[in-house]
Amino acid sequence: MSAQLAQTPIPYIPHARAGRITDQVLDHIIRAAQASQVGQTLTDADAALILVTLPQLAEELRQRRAAMDLISDVTDLDNVLFMPSPAPAG
């Protein structure tokens, strides 16, 4: 029976991921991270929020940089004006 257990593959369980990261969540992450940079103590919840959202934020940043690199490779950006996003409704 122990030989059978040794051959049983361990199931893969994906890492937890945060849900949709809204502007409100981003603001919370920014405040917590800035507080930690100046030596303020983080709550366990703030530290967990930073850790659980960091991979998604870094991936989004990497994808955005790749998209901007592609756009700049095929477009003359000197005549492109990037408009700010509209403010969220109240």
N, C-alpha and C. Protein backbone atom coordinates (compact mmCIF):
# COMPACT_ATOMS: atom_id res chain seq x y z
N MET A 1 0.82 -1.19 0.00
CA MET A 1 0.00 0.00 0.00
C MET A 1 0.86 1.26 0.00
N SER A 2 2.00 1.24 0.66
CA SER A 2 2.85 2.42 0.68
C SER A 2 3.43 2.71 -0.70
N ALA A 3 3.66 1.69 -1.52
CA ALA A 3 4.14 1.91 -2.89
C ALA A 3 3.09 2.63 -3.70
N GLN A 4 1.83 2.31 -3.47
CA GLN A 4 0.74 2.97 -4.18
C GLN A 4 0.66 4.44 -3.78
N LEU A 5 0.84 4.73 -2.50
CA LEU A 5 0.79 6.10 -2.04
C LEU A 5 1.96 6.91 -2.61
N ALA A 6 3.11 6.28 -2.73
CA ALA A 6 4.28 6.99 -3.24
C ALA A 6 4.10 7.38 -4.71
N GLN A 7 3.29 6.66 -5.46
CA GLN A 7 3.08 6.95 -6.87
C GLN A 7 1.91 7.88 -7.13
N THR A 8 1.13 8.16 -6.11
CA THR A 8 -0.02 9.04 -6.27
C THR A 8 0.47 10.47 -6.40
N PRO A 9 0.16 11.12 -7.52
CA PRO A 9 0.64 12.50 -7.69
C PRO A 9 -0.06 13.44 -6.71
N ILE A 10 0.68 14.43 -6.27
CA ILE A 10 0.12 15.44 -5.39
C ILE A 10 -0.67 16.41 -6.27
N PRO A 11 -1.93 16.65 -5.92
CA PRO A 11 -2.73 17.54 -6.78
C PRO A 11 -2.18 18.96 -6.75
N TYR A 12 -2.25 19.61 -7.91
CA TYR A 12 -1.79 20.99 -8.01
C TYR A 12 -2.90 21.92 -7.54
N ILE A 13 -2.57 22.78 -6.62
CA ILE A 13 -3.52 23.77 -6.13
C ILE A 13 -2.96 25.14 -6.49
N PRO A 14 -3.62 25.88 -7.37
CA PRO A 14 -3.08 27.18 -7.78
C PRO A 14 -3.04 28.16 -6.60
N HIS A 15 -2.12 29.11 -6.68
CA HIS A 15 -2.03 30.14 -5.65
C HIS A 15 -3.28 31.00 -5.66
N ALA A 16 -3.62 31.52 -4.51
CA ALA A 16 -4.77 32.42 -4.41
C ALA A 16 -4.49 33.71 -5.16
N ARG A 17 -5.51 34.27 -5.74
CA ARG A 17 -5.39 35.55 -6.44
C ARG A 17 -6.46 36.48 -5.92
N ALA A 18 -6.14 37.74 -5.92
CA ALA A 18 -7.11 38.74 -5.50
C ALA A 18 -8.19 38.86 -6.58
N GLY A 19 -9.31 39.37 -6.20
CA GLY A 19 -10.37 39.64 -7.17
C GLY A 19 -10.02 40.88 -7.98
N ARG A 20 -11.02 41.47 -8.60
CA ARG A 20 -10.80 42.67 -9.41
C ARG A 20 -10.21 43.75 -8.53
N ILE A 21 -9.16 44.38 -9.01
CA ILE A 21 -8.49 45.42 -8.24
C ILE A 21 -9.05 46.77 -8.70
N THR A 22 -9.94 47.30 -7.91
CA THR A 22 -10.60 48.57 -8.24
C THR A 22 -9.70 49.74 -7.86
N ASP A 23 -10.10 50.94 -8.27
CA ASP A 23 -9.35 52.14 -7.89
C ASP A 23 -9.32 52.31 -6.38
N GLN A 24 -10.42 51.97 -5.72
CA GLN A 24 -10.49 52.07 -4.26
C GLN A 24 -9.47 51.12 -3.62
N VAL A 25 -9.35 49.91 -4.13
CA VAL A 25 -8.37 48.95 -3.62
C VAL A 25 -6.96 49.45 -3.91
N LEU A 26 -6.73 49.99 -5.12
CA LEU A 26 -5.42 50.56 -5.45
C LEU A 26 -5.05 51.67 -4.47
N ASP A 27 -6.00 52.55 -4.16
CA ASP A 27 -5.73 53.62 -3.20
C ASP A 27 -5.32 53.06 -1.84
N HIS A 28 -6.00 52.01 -1.42
CA HIS A 28 -5.68 51.36 -0.13
C HIS A 28 -4.27 50.76 -0.17
N ILE A 29 -3.93 50.09 -1.27
CA ILE A 29 -2.60 49.49 -1.43
C ILE A 29 -1.53 50.59 -1.39
N ILE A 30 -1.77 51.68 -2.10
CA ILE A 30 -0.81 52.78 -2.14
C ILE A 30 -0.58 53.35 -0.74
N ARG A 31 -1.67 53.61 -0.03
CA ARG A 31 -1.53 54.17 1.33
C ARG A 31 -0.75 53.22 2.24
N ALA A 32 -1.07 51.94 2.19
CA ALA A 32 -0.40 50.96 3.04
C ALA A 32 1.08 50.84 2.68
N ALA A 33 1.38 50.78 1.38
CA ALA A 33 2.76 50.64 0.95
C ALA A 33 3.57 51.89 1.30
N GLN A 34 2.99 53.07 1.11
CA GLN A 34 3.70 54.29 1.47
C GLN A 34 3.95 54.37 2.97
N ALA A 35 2.99 53.93 3.76
CA ALA A 35 3.16 53.92 5.22
C ALA A 35 4.31 53.00 5.61
N SER A 36 4.40 51.86 4.95
CA SER A 36 5.48 50.92 5.28
C SER A 36 6.84 51.47 4.88
N GLN A 37 6.89 52.28 3.82
CA GLN A 37 8.15 52.85 3.36
C GLN A 37 8.72 53.89 4.33
N VAL A 38 7.87 54.47 5.14
CA VAL A 38 8.34 55.47 6.11
C VAL A 38 8.39 54.89 7.52
N GLY A 39 8.33 53.56 7.61
CA GLY A 39 8.53 52.90 8.89
C GLY A 39 7.30 52.73 9.75
N GLN A 40 6.12 53.04 9.23
CA GLN A 40 4.91 52.81 10.01
C GLN A 40 4.57 51.33 10.00
N THR A 41 4.01 50.86 11.08
CA THR A 41 3.65 49.45 11.19
C THR A 41 2.42 49.15 10.35
N LEU A 42 2.51 48.07 9.58
CA LEU A 42 1.36 47.63 8.78
C LEU A 42 0.51 46.68 9.59
N THR A 43 -0.79 46.74 9.36
CA THR A 43 -1.66 45.72 9.93
C THR A 43 -1.46 44.44 9.14
N ASP A 44 -1.84 43.32 9.71
CA ASP A 44 -1.75 42.05 8.98
C ASP A 44 -2.58 42.11 7.71
N ALA A 45 -3.74 42.77 7.78
CA ALA A 45 -4.62 42.86 6.61
C ALA A 45 -3.97 43.68 5.50
N ASP A 46 -3.32 44.80 5.86
CA ASP A 46 -2.65 45.62 4.84
C ASP A 46 -1.50 44.86 4.20
N ALA A 47 -0.72 44.15 5.01
CA ALA A 47 0.40 43.38 4.47
C ALA A 47 -0.11 42.28 3.54
N ALA A 48 -1.18 41.61 3.95
CA ALA A 48 -1.75 40.55 3.12
C ALA A 48 -2.29 41.13 1.82
N LEU A 49 -2.91 42.31 1.87
CA LEU A 49 -3.44 42.95 0.67
C LEU A 49 -2.32 43.25 -0.32
N ILE A 50 -1.22 43.78 0.17
CA ILE A 50 -0.08 44.08 -0.71
C ILE A 50 0.44 42.80 -1.34
N LEU A 51 0.62 41.75 -0.54
CA LEU A 51 1.19 40.52 -1.05
C LEU A 51 0.28 39.80 -2.04
N VAL A 52 -1.03 39.82 -1.78
CA VAL A 52 -1.93 39.06 -2.65
C VAL A 52 -2.20 39.80 -3.96
N THR A 53 -2.05 41.11 -3.99
CA THR A 53 -2.33 41.86 -5.21
C THR A 53 -1.08 42.16 -6.03
N LEU A 54 0.09 42.08 -5.44
CA LEU A 54 1.31 42.44 -6.15
C LEU A 54 1.53 41.66 -7.45
N PRO A 55 1.34 40.34 -7.48
CA PRO A 55 1.55 39.63 -8.75
C PRO A 55 0.65 40.14 -9.88
N GLN A 56 -0.62 40.39 -9.59
CA GLN A 56 -1.53 40.87 -10.62
C GLN A 56 -1.15 42.28 -11.09
N LEU A 57 -0.76 43.12 -10.15
CA LEU A 57 -0.37 44.49 -10.52
C LEU A 57 0.89 44.48 -11.37
N ALA A 58 1.85 43.66 -11.00
CA ALA A 58 3.09 43.58 -11.77
C ALA A 58 2.81 43.01 -13.17
N GLU A 59 1.95 42.02 -13.27
CA GLU A 59 1.61 41.44 -14.58
C GLU A 59 0.91 42.48 -15.46
N GLU A 60 -0.02 43.23 -14.87
CA GLU A 60 -0.71 44.27 -15.64
C GLU A 60 0.27 45.33 -16.11
N LEU A 61 1.20 45.73 -15.25
CA LEU A 61 2.21 46.71 -15.64
C LEU A 61 3.09 46.18 -16.77
N ARG A 62 3.49 44.92 -16.66
CA ARG A 62 4.32 44.33 -17.71
C ARG A 62 3.57 44.29 -19.04
N GLN A 63 2.28 43.91 -19.01
CA GLN A 63 1.49 43.87 -20.23
C GLN A 63 1.29 45.26 -20.82
N ARG A 64 1.08 46.25 -19.95
CA ARG A 64 0.89 47.62 -20.42
C ARG A 64 2.17 48.14 -21.06
N ARG A 65 3.31 47.84 -20.46
CA ARG A 65 4.59 48.26 -21.05
C ARG A 65 4.80 47.60 -22.40
N ALA A 66 4.46 46.33 -22.51
CA ALA A 66 4.61 45.63 -23.79
C ALA A 66 3.70 46.25 -24.84
N ALA A 67 2.48 46.59 -24.45
CA ALA A 67 1.54 47.21 -25.40
C ALA A 67 2.05 48.58 -25.83
N MET A 68 2.55 49.36 -24.89
CA MET A 68 3.07 50.68 -25.23
C MET A 68 4.30 50.57 -26.12
N ASP A 69 5.16 49.58 -25.86
CA ASP A 69 6.32 49.36 -26.72
C ASP A 69 5.88 49.02 -28.14
N LEU A 70 4.87 48.17 -28.26
CA LEU A 70 4.36 47.80 -29.57
C LEU A 70 3.77 49.01 -30.29
N ILE A 71 3.00 49.80 -29.56
CA ILE A 71 2.39 51.00 -30.16
C ILE A 71 3.48 51.95 -30.62
N SER A 72 4.50 52.15 -29.78
CA SER A 72 5.55 53.10 -30.17
C SER A 72 6.39 52.57 -31.32
N ASP A 73 6.46 51.24 -31.48
CA ASP A 73 7.20 50.67 -32.61
C ASP A 73 6.49 50.90 -33.94
N VAL A 74 5.16 50.92 -33.92
CA VAL A 74 4.41 51.02 -35.17
C VAL A 74 3.76 52.39 -35.39
N THR A 75 3.90 53.30 -34.42
CA THR A 75 3.23 54.59 -34.49
C THR A 75 4.18 55.71 -34.12
N ASP A 76 3.99 56.83 -34.75
CA ASP A 76 4.72 58.04 -34.36
C ASP A 76 3.97 58.66 -33.19
N LEU A 77 4.49 58.49 -31.98
CA LEU A 77 3.77 58.96 -30.79
C LEU A 77 3.88 60.47 -30.58
N ASP A 78 4.66 61.16 -31.41
CA ASP A 78 4.78 62.60 -31.25
C ASP A 78 3.46 63.31 -31.53
N ASN A 79 2.60 62.69 -32.32
CA ASN A 79 1.33 63.35 -32.61
C ASN A 79 0.15 62.63 -31.94
N VAL A 80 0.42 61.83 -30.91
CA VAL A 80 -0.63 61.12 -30.18
C VAL A 80 -0.80 61.79 -28.82
N LEU A 81 -2.03 62.12 -28.48
CA LEU A 81 -2.35 62.72 -27.19
C LEU A 81 -3.17 61.71 -26.40
N PHE A 82 -2.65 61.27 -25.26
CA PHE A 82 -3.37 60.32 -24.42
C PHE A 82 -4.31 61.09 -23.52
N MET A 83 -5.59 60.75 -23.62
CA MET A 83 -6.61 61.43 -22.83
C MET A 83 -6.78 60.73 -21.49
N PRO A 84 -7.02 61.48 -20.43
CA PRO A 84 -7.22 60.85 -19.12
C PRO A 84 -8.55 60.09 -19.10
N SER A 85 -8.60 59.06 -18.27
CA SER A 85 -9.84 58.31 -18.11
C SER A 85 -10.89 59.19 -17.46
N PRO A 86 -12.16 58.97 -17.79
CA PRO A 86 -13.20 59.77 -17.12
C PRO A 86 -13.27 59.43 -15.64
N ALA A 87 -13.64 60.40 -14.86
CA ALA A 87 -13.78 60.18 -13.42
C ALA A 87 -14.91 59.19 -13.17
N PRO A 88 -14.75 58.30 -12.19
CA PRO A 88 -15.83 57.33 -11.91
C PRO A 88 -17.08 58.05 -11.43
N ALA A 89 -18.22 57.49 -11.81
CA ALA A 89 -19.50 58.06 -11.41
C ALA A 89 -19.69 57.90 -9.90
N GLY A 90 -20.12 58.91 -9.27
CA GLY A 90 -20.33 59.11 -7.92
C GLY A 90 -20.58 58.19 -6.92
